């Protein structure tokens, strides 16, 4: 087992090992004094892994409850959140109990936000089952729901009590969701690890599976280091948003239905590098992204996408903060007025 310690104010550990799901109960028992664990998951993940997790929890003496909601970004909403609150009330969940986020990024985000706000705060544990969640969204304590006006606009910082990461869950992941996760994996190479990026340029969608036991902890460690330095996202942590300024605009433009988050981030990274970086790095990134069947652009026009950037949470007053990686492995935080930002895209 690999254990990655996250030294934030409420420190915790991330455990990475295959077949960890079947032993999650004993791990949670050693970490959490709760009597009841409420599993929050979606209708894609529940048939695959909810029984395994419930059995392990019960074997370790926990009483369990389970809430299942429809999968997809559209469920990361205030309506789903209110349904979770009602479920927790009906099941008489108390502050001494624990929530379990079993699933991908949507499940982790909304469960974390519920944990941050229900009864003014309750413990929760992340059990990420998608590649994107394992390398990115389950780590760092950002929780949120979406609004019609934009992605992740309502949320809270809430660190989990632990993250239990079992790479075996990726074996049942549909290929399109694995591809989605590779968008964030490539991001980590671009912002902080040139060697990782070069390795990804030499792998492809088939061969990369053989290297996940090294890739997943590498990405987690990069994010751990950034989060430990800037837990509340006021400085260096912004580099984790490479590709997200345009990526979130892409998601919003297509109403969160055409492009998954990782695909939107991949296109956002490429577009940002094309207009704000060097031609050489743009070519390298575009080639790498396309090796994993990720998009390097989208049909939406640049003006349409830029009109949505003003609603992004990375904006500060009239200034938009964005990330450029030049050279590979080095992320630079830049700030421009919305008008000056548009000039990079040859728009007045």
Protein backbone atom coordinates (compact mmCIF):
# COMPACT_ATOMS: atom_id res chain seq x y z
CA UNK A 1 0.00 0.00 0.00
CA UNK A 2 1.15 3.52 -0.81
CA UNK A 3 0.23 6.11 1.80
CA UNK A 4 0.39 9.78 0.82
CA UNK A 5 0.06 12.20 3.73
CA UNK A 6 -1.66 15.54 3.12
CA UNK A 7 -0.30 18.02 5.72
CA UNK A 8 -3.13 20.57 5.74
CA UNK A 9 -4.81 22.02 8.83
CA UNK A 10 -7.03 18.93 9.13
CA UNK A 11 -4.37 16.48 7.95
CA UNK A 12 -5.31 13.15 6.43
CA UNK A 13 -3.90 10.25 4.43
CA UNK A 14 -4.57 8.94 0.94
CA UNK A 15 -4.26 5.18 0.61
CA UNK A 16 -3.57 3.65 -2.80
CA UNK A 17 -3.64 -0.10 -3.34
CA UNK A 18 -5.42 -2.63 -5.50
CA UNK A 19 -8.26 -4.62 -3.90
CA UNK A 20 -8.59 -1.95 -1.22
CA UNK A 21 -12.35 -1.67 -1.66
CA UNK A 22 -13.00 -5.06 -0.09
CA UNK A 23 -11.04 -3.98 3.01
CA UNK A 24 -12.36 -0.45 3.32
CA UNK A 25 -14.43 -1.26 6.42
CA UNK A 26 -11.46 -2.14 8.62
CA UNK A 27 -9.59 0.95 7.39
CA UNK A 28 -12.52 3.26 8.09
CA UNK A 29 -13.03 1.65 11.51
CA UNK A 30 -9.45 2.54 12.42
CA UNK A 31 -9.93 6.13 11.23
CA UNK A 32 -13.45 7.00 12.26
CA UNK A 33 -15.36 6.31 15.51
CA UNK A 34 -18.77 6.53 13.80
CA UNK A 35 -21.55 4.02 14.41
CA UNK A 36 -23.30 4.68 11.08
CA UNK A 37 -21.83 5.22 7.63
CA UNK A 38 -24.10 6.78 5.00
CA UNK A 39 -22.94 5.84 1.51
CA UNK A 40 -23.67 8.48 -1.14
CA UNK A 41 -23.29 7.19 -4.70
CA UNK A 42 -24.85 7.28 -8.16
CA UNK A 43 -26.79 4.79 -10.25
CA UNK A 44 -23.74 3.88 -12.35
CA UNK A 45 -21.46 3.06 -9.43
CA UNK A 46 -24.00 1.56 -7.00
CA UNK A 47 -24.58 -1.71 -8.94
CA UNK A 48 -20.82 -2.22 -9.26
CA UNK A 49 -19.41 -1.40 -5.84
CA UNK A 50 -22.03 -0.45 -3.25
CA UNK A 51 -22.55 -4.05 -2.09
CA UNK A 52 -18.80 -4.61 -1.67
CA UNK A 53 -18.43 -1.44 0.40
CA UNK A 54 -21.55 -2.12 2.47
CA UNK A 55 -20.45 -5.67 3.25
CA UNK A 56 -16.99 -4.53 4.33
CA UNK A 57 -18.46 -1.78 6.52
CA UNK A 58 -20.92 -4.16 8.18
CA UNK A 59 -18.16 -6.72 8.76
CA UNK A 60 -16.35 -4.00 10.71
CA UNK A 61 -19.38 -3.26 12.88
CA UNK A 62 -20.91 -0.25 11.11
CA UNK A 63 -24.58 0.29 10.49
CA UNK A 64 -25.01 1.46 6.89
CA UNK A 65 -27.46 3.57 4.90
CA UNK A 66 -27.32 4.27 1.18
CA UNK A 67 -28.47 7.13 -1.03
CA UNK A 68 -28.32 6.73 -4.82
CA UNK A 69 -28.89 9.59 -7.26
CA UNK A 70 -28.85 9.74 -11.09
CA UNK A 71 -25.34 9.90 -12.56
CA UNK A 72 -24.02 12.87 -14.48
CA UNK A 73 -23.06 16.52 -14.06
CA UNK A 74 -26.71 17.60 -14.14
CA UNK A 75 -27.16 15.93 -10.73
CA UNK A 76 -24.52 18.18 -9.13
CA UNK A 77 -27.30 20.58 -8.27
CA UNK A 78 -29.13 22.19 -5.39
CA UNK A 79 -32.05 19.80 -5.94
CA UNK A 80 -29.85 16.72 -5.40
CA UNK A 81 -28.16 18.37 -2.43
CA UNK A 82 -31.52 19.03 -0.76
CA UNK A 83 -32.51 15.41 -1.37
CA UNK A 84 -29.30 14.28 0.35
CA UNK A 85 -30.06 16.53 3.33
CA UNK A 86 -33.57 15.05 3.59
CA UNK A 87 -32.19 11.52 3.40
CA UNK A 88 -29.68 12.24 6.18
CA UNK A 89 -32.45 13.66 8.36
CA UNK A 90 -34.75 10.70 7.70
CA UNK A 91 -31.98 8.26 8.61
CA UNK A 92 -31.17 10.26 11.74
CA UNK A 93 -27.53 10.80 10.79
CA UNK A 94 -25.69 12.68 13.54
CA UNK A 95 -22.43 14.61 13.72
CA UNK A 96 -20.73 11.53 15.16
CA UNK A 97 -21.53 9.53 12.00
CA UNK A 98 -19.73 9.52 8.65
CA UNK A 99 -20.57 10.03 4.99
CA UNK A 100 -18.89 7.88 2.32
CA UNK A 101 -18.50 9.41 -1.15
CA UNK A 102 -18.42 6.34 -3.42
CA UNK A 103 -18.01 7.30 -7.04
CA UNK A 104 -16.50 9.81 -9.43
CA UNK A 105 -16.06 13.55 -9.29
CA UNK A 106 -19.75 14.49 -9.14
CA UNK A 107 -20.35 12.13 -6.20
CA UNK A 108 -17.26 13.38 -4.38
CA UNK A 109 -18.07 17.06 -4.91
CA UNK A 110 -21.69 16.94 -3.77
CA UNK A 111 -21.05 14.52 -0.88
CA UNK A 112 -18.21 16.70 0.34
CA UNK A 113 -20.42 19.79 0.20
CA UNK A 114 -23.17 17.95 2.09
CA UNK A 115 -20.59 16.92 4.70
CA UNK A 116 -19.35 20.51 5.01
CA UNK A 117 -22.84 21.91 5.62
CA UNK A 118 -25.10 19.26 7.16
CA UNK A 119 -25.30 19.89 10.92
CA UNK A 120 -22.56 22.49 10.28
CA UNK A 121 -20.07 19.76 9.48
CA UNK A 122 -19.79 15.98 9.54
CA UNK A 123 -16.91 13.62 8.72
CA UNK A 124 -16.69 12.13 5.28
CA UNK A 125 -14.40 9.74 3.43
CA UNK A 126 -13.68 9.72 -0.29
CA UNK A 127 -13.68 6.40 -2.15
CA UNK A 128 -13.06 7.54 -5.75
CA UNK A 129 -13.89 5.02 -8.48
CA UNK A 130 -13.00 6.99 -11.64
CA UNK A 131 -9.57 7.95 -12.92
CA UNK A 132 -10.41 11.66 -12.75
CA UNK A 133 -11.54 11.38 -9.15
CA UNK A 134 -8.54 9.28 -8.11
CA UNK A 135 -5.91 11.62 -9.53
CA UNK A 136 -7.67 14.93 -8.95
CA UNK A 137 -11.09 15.70 -7.53
CA UNK A 138 -10.96 13.48 -4.43
CA UNK A 139 -7.81 15.25 -3.22
CA UNK A 140 -7.62 18.75 -1.80
CA UNK A 141 -10.90 19.46 -0.06
CA UNK A 142 -12.75 21.45 -2.73
CA UNK A 143 -16.47 20.64 -2.70
CA UNK A 144 -19.25 22.25 -4.70
CA UNK A 145 -22.43 22.14 -6.70
CA UNK A 146 -23.15 23.84 -10.02
CA UNK A 147 -25.55 26.69 -10.73
CA UNK A 148 -27.25 27.36 -14.08
CA UNK A 149 -24.86 30.33 -14.36
CA UNK A 150 -21.68 28.26 -13.99
CA UNK A 151 -19.78 25.31 -12.63
CA UNK A 152 -18.78 24.93 -8.95
CA UNK A 153 -20.08 28.38 -8.02
CA UNK A 154 -21.44 27.29 -4.61
CA UNK A 155 -19.20 25.21 -2.39
CA UNK A 156 -16.91 24.95 0.59
CA UNK A 157 -13.46 23.75 1.54
CA UNK A 158 -13.93 20.47 3.42
CA UNK A 159 -11.05 18.02 3.76
CA UNK A 160 -11.99 14.33 3.93
CA UNK A 161 -11.01 12.17 6.87
CA UNK A 162 -9.24 9.91 4.35
CA UNK A 163 -9.16 8.95 0.68
CA UNK A 164 -9.29 5.24 -0.15
CA UNK A 165 -8.12 4.74 -3.72
CA UNK A 166 -8.42 1.30 -5.36
CA UNK A 167 -7.11 1.28 -8.96
CA UNK A 168 -8.96 -2.00 -9.58
CA UNK A 169 -12.18 0.00 -9.84
CA UNK A 170 -10.88 1.41 -13.13
CA UNK A 171 -11.23 -2.02 -14.76
CA UNK A 172 -15.01 -1.50 -14.99
CA UNK A 173 -14.75 2.12 -16.07
CA UNK A 174 -16.24 2.71 -19.55
CA UNK A 175 -13.54 3.84 -21.98
CA UNK A 176 -15.04 7.32 -22.43
CA UNK A 177 -14.70 7.97 -18.69
CA UNK A 178 -11.15 6.66 -18.62
CA UNK A 179 -10.36 9.02 -21.50
CA UNK A 180 -11.99 11.79 -19.47
CA UNK A 181 -9.60 11.15 -16.58
CA UNK A 182 -6.58 11.27 -18.87
CA UNK A 183 -7.30 14.95 -19.47
CA UNK A 184 -6.43 15.68 -15.83
CA UNK A 185 -3.46 13.29 -15.89
CA UNK A 186 -1.95 15.20 -18.82
CA UNK A 187 -2.61 18.44 -16.93
CA UNK A 188 -0.37 17.28 -14.07
CA UNK A 189 2.49 16.60 -16.43
CA UNK A 190 2.07 20.02 -18.01
CA UNK A 191 1.98 22.00 -14.77
CA UNK A 192 4.60 20.21 -12.68
CA UNK A 193 6.27 17.11 -14.12
CA UNK A 194 7.97 17.19 -17.51
CA UNK A 195 9.05 13.56 -17.14
CA UNK A 196 5.44 12.45 -16.62
CA UNK A 197 4.35 14.45 -19.67
CA UNK A 198 7.08 12.89 -21.83
CA UNK A 199 6.09 9.42 -20.63
CA UNK A 200 2.48 10.11 -21.54
CA UNK A 201 3.62 11.22 -25.00
CA UNK A 202 5.17 7.75 -25.45
CA UNK A 203 2.21 5.76 -24.13
CA UNK A 204 -1.22 5.52 -25.71
CA UNK A 205 -4.73 4.67 -24.61
CA UNK A 206 -3.91 0.96 -24.55
CA UNK A 207 -0.44 0.90 -23.01
CA UNK A 208 -1.04 3.55 -20.34
CA UNK A 209 -3.07 1.04 -18.30
CA UNK A 210 0.15 -0.84 -17.51
CA UNK A 211 1.57 2.24 -15.78
CA UNK A 212 -1.37 3.38 -13.65
CA UNK A 213 0.18 2.11 -10.41
CA UNK A 214 2.91 4.75 -10.89
CA UNK A 215 0.84 7.46 -12.61
CA UNK A 216 -1.92 7.69 -10.00
CA UNK A 217 0.37 8.26 -6.97
CA UNK A 218 2.49 10.69 -9.02
CA UNK A 219 -0.53 12.87 -9.82
CA UNK A 220 -1.82 12.65 -6.24
CA UNK A 221 1.59 13.68 -4.89
CA UNK A 222 1.74 16.70 -7.19
CA UNK A 223 -1.67 17.87 -6.03
CA UNK A 224 -0.79 17.11 -2.39
CA UNK A 225 2.27 19.36 -2.60
CA UNK A 226 0.30 22.21 -4.15
CA UNK A 227 -2.61 21.92 -1.71
CA UNK A 228 -0.28 21.74 1.30
CA UNK A 229 1.26 25.05 0.23
CA UNK A 230 -2.04 26.77 -0.56
CA UNK A 231 -5.00 25.00 1.02
CA UNK A 232 -7.56 27.74 0.40
CA UNK A 233 -6.69 28.51 -3.23
CA UNK A 234 -5.35 32.03 -2.85
CA UNK A 235 -2.00 31.54 -4.60
CA UNK A 236 -0.10 28.61 -6.05
CA UNK A 237 -3.10 26.28 -6.02
CA UNK A 238 -4.43 28.22 -8.99
CA UNK A 239 -2.00 26.30 -11.22
CA UNK A 240 -4.30 23.29 -10.84
CA UNK A 241 -6.77 25.25 -12.99
CA UNK A 242 -4.67 24.97 -16.15
CA UNK A 243 -7.17 24.40 -18.96
CA UNK A 244 -10.12 25.08 -16.68
CA UNK A 245 -10.79 28.73 -17.56
CA UNK A 246 -11.83 27.75 -21.09
CA UNK A 247 -12.70 24.19 -20.05
CA UNK A 248 -15.48 25.33 -17.73
CA UNK A 249 -16.71 27.69 -20.46
CA UNK A 250 -16.85 24.73 -22.87
CA UNK A 251 -18.87 22.69 -20.38
CA UNK A 252 -21.29 25.55 -19.79
CA UNK A 253 -21.65 26.36 -23.50
CA UNK A 254 -22.68 22.76 -24.21
CA UNK A 255 -24.90 22.63 -21.10
CA UNK A 256 -22.71 19.97 -19.45
CA UNK A 257 -23.93 17.37 -21.90
CA UNK A 258 -21.57 17.17 -24.88
CA UNK A 259 -18.12 17.30 -23.27
CA UNK A 260 -17.16 15.63 -20.01
CA UNK A 261 -14.97 17.62 -17.62
CA UNK A 262 -11.67 16.00 -18.64
CA UNK A 263 -12.44 16.43 -22.33
CA UNK A 264 -13.32 20.08 -21.81
CA UNK A 265 -10.11 20.62 -19.82
CA UNK A 266 -8.05 18.97 -22.57
CA UNK A 267 -9.52 21.29 -25.20
CA UNK A 268 -9.12 24.23 -22.81
CA UNK A 269 -5.42 23.44 -22.26
CA UNK A 270 -4.81 23.24 -25.98
CA UNK A 271 -6.68 26.43 -26.82
CA UNK A 272 -4.98 28.36 -24.02
CA UNK A 273 -1.56 27.13 -25.14
CA UNK A 274 -2.31 27.85 -28.81
CA UNK A 275 -3.12 31.50 -28.14
CA UNK A 276 -1.02 32.23 -25.04
CA UNK A 277 1.92 29.81 -25.25
CA UNK A 278 4.59 28.78 -27.74
CA UNK A 279 3.83 26.97 -31.03
CA UNK A 280 6.23 24.15 -30.10
CA UNK A 281 4.52 23.39 -26.79
CA UNK A 282 1.11 23.71 -28.40
CA UNK A 283 2.09 21.07 -30.96
CA UNK A 284 3.44 18.73 -28.25
CA UNK A 285 0.34 19.13 -26.12
CA UNK A 286 -2.07 18.75 -29.03
CA UNK A 287 -0.30 15.56 -30.14
CA UNK A 288 -0.35 14.12 -26.62
CA UNK A 289 -4.01 14.96 -26.04
CA UNK A 290 -5.05 13.37 -29.32
CA UNK A 291 -3.12 10.18 -28.48
CA UNK A 292 -5.75 9.59 -25.80
CA UNK A 293 -8.70 10.46 -28.06
CA UNK A 294 -9.22 13.73 -26.21
CA UNK A 295 -10.34 16.84 -28.12
CA UNK A 296 -7.81 19.57 -28.81
CA UNK A 297 -10.52 22.05 -29.85
CA UNK A 298 -14.31 22.39 -29.99
CA UNK A 299 -16.71 23.75 -32.65
CA UNK A 300 -17.86 26.62 -30.42
CA UNK A 301 -16.38 29.96 -31.42
CA UNK A 302 -13.78 31.65 -29.26
CA UNK A 303 -15.99 34.75 -28.71
CA UNK A 304 -18.82 32.52 -27.45
CA UNK A 305 -16.48 30.75 -25.03
CA UNK A 306 -14.86 33.95 -23.81
CA UNK A 307 -18.27 35.44 -23.04
CA UNK A 308 -18.71 32.65 -20.46
CA UNK A 309 -15.31 33.14 -18.82
CA UNK A 310 -16.59 36.17 -16.93
CA UNK A 311 -18.79 33.92 -14.77
CA UNK A 312 -15.90 31.70 -13.73
CA UNK A 313 -14.97 31.61 -10.04
CA UNK A 314 -11.31 32.26 -10.96
CA UNK A 315 -12.25 35.84 -11.77
CA UNK A 316 -11.35 38.47 -9.16
CA UNK A 317 -13.27 41.68 -9.67
CA UNK A 318 -12.63 42.72 -13.26
CA UNK A 319 -9.46 40.59 -13.46
CA UNK A 320 -9.37 37.05 -14.85
CA UNK A 321 -6.62 34.72 -13.67
CA UNK A 322 -5.47 31.98 -16.02
CA UNK A 323 -2.59 29.53 -16.34
CA UNK A 324 0.03 29.14 -19.07
CA UNK A 325 2.60 26.33 -19.11
CA UNK A 326 5.78 27.38 -20.92
CA UNK A 327 8.00 25.40 -20.64
CA UNK A 328 6.32 22.05 -19.95
CA UNK A 329 6.40 21.29 -16.25
CA UNK A 330 6.27 24.93 -15.21
CA UNK A 331 2.93 26.65 -14.65
CA UNK A 332 2.65 30.44 -14.59
CA UNK A 333 -0.32 32.29 -13.12
CA UNK A 334 -1.26 35.30 -15.24
CA UNK A 335 -3.86 38.00 -14.67
CA UNK A 336 -5.56 40.22 -17.21
CA UNK A 337 -8.64 42.34 -17.46
CA UNK A 338 -11.34 40.60 -19.46
CA UNK A 339 -10.66 43.04 -22.30
CA UNK A 340 -6.92 42.31 -22.34
CA UNK A 341 -7.57 38.57 -22.02
CA UNK A 342 -9.64 38.72 -25.19
CA UNK A 343 -6.71 40.33 -27.04
CA UNK A 344 -4.68 37.11 -26.71
CA UNK A 345 -7.30 35.50 -28.93
CA UNK A 346 -6.97 38.31 -31.47
CA UNK A 347 -10.26 39.82 -30.39
CA UNK A 348 -10.68 43.48 -29.47
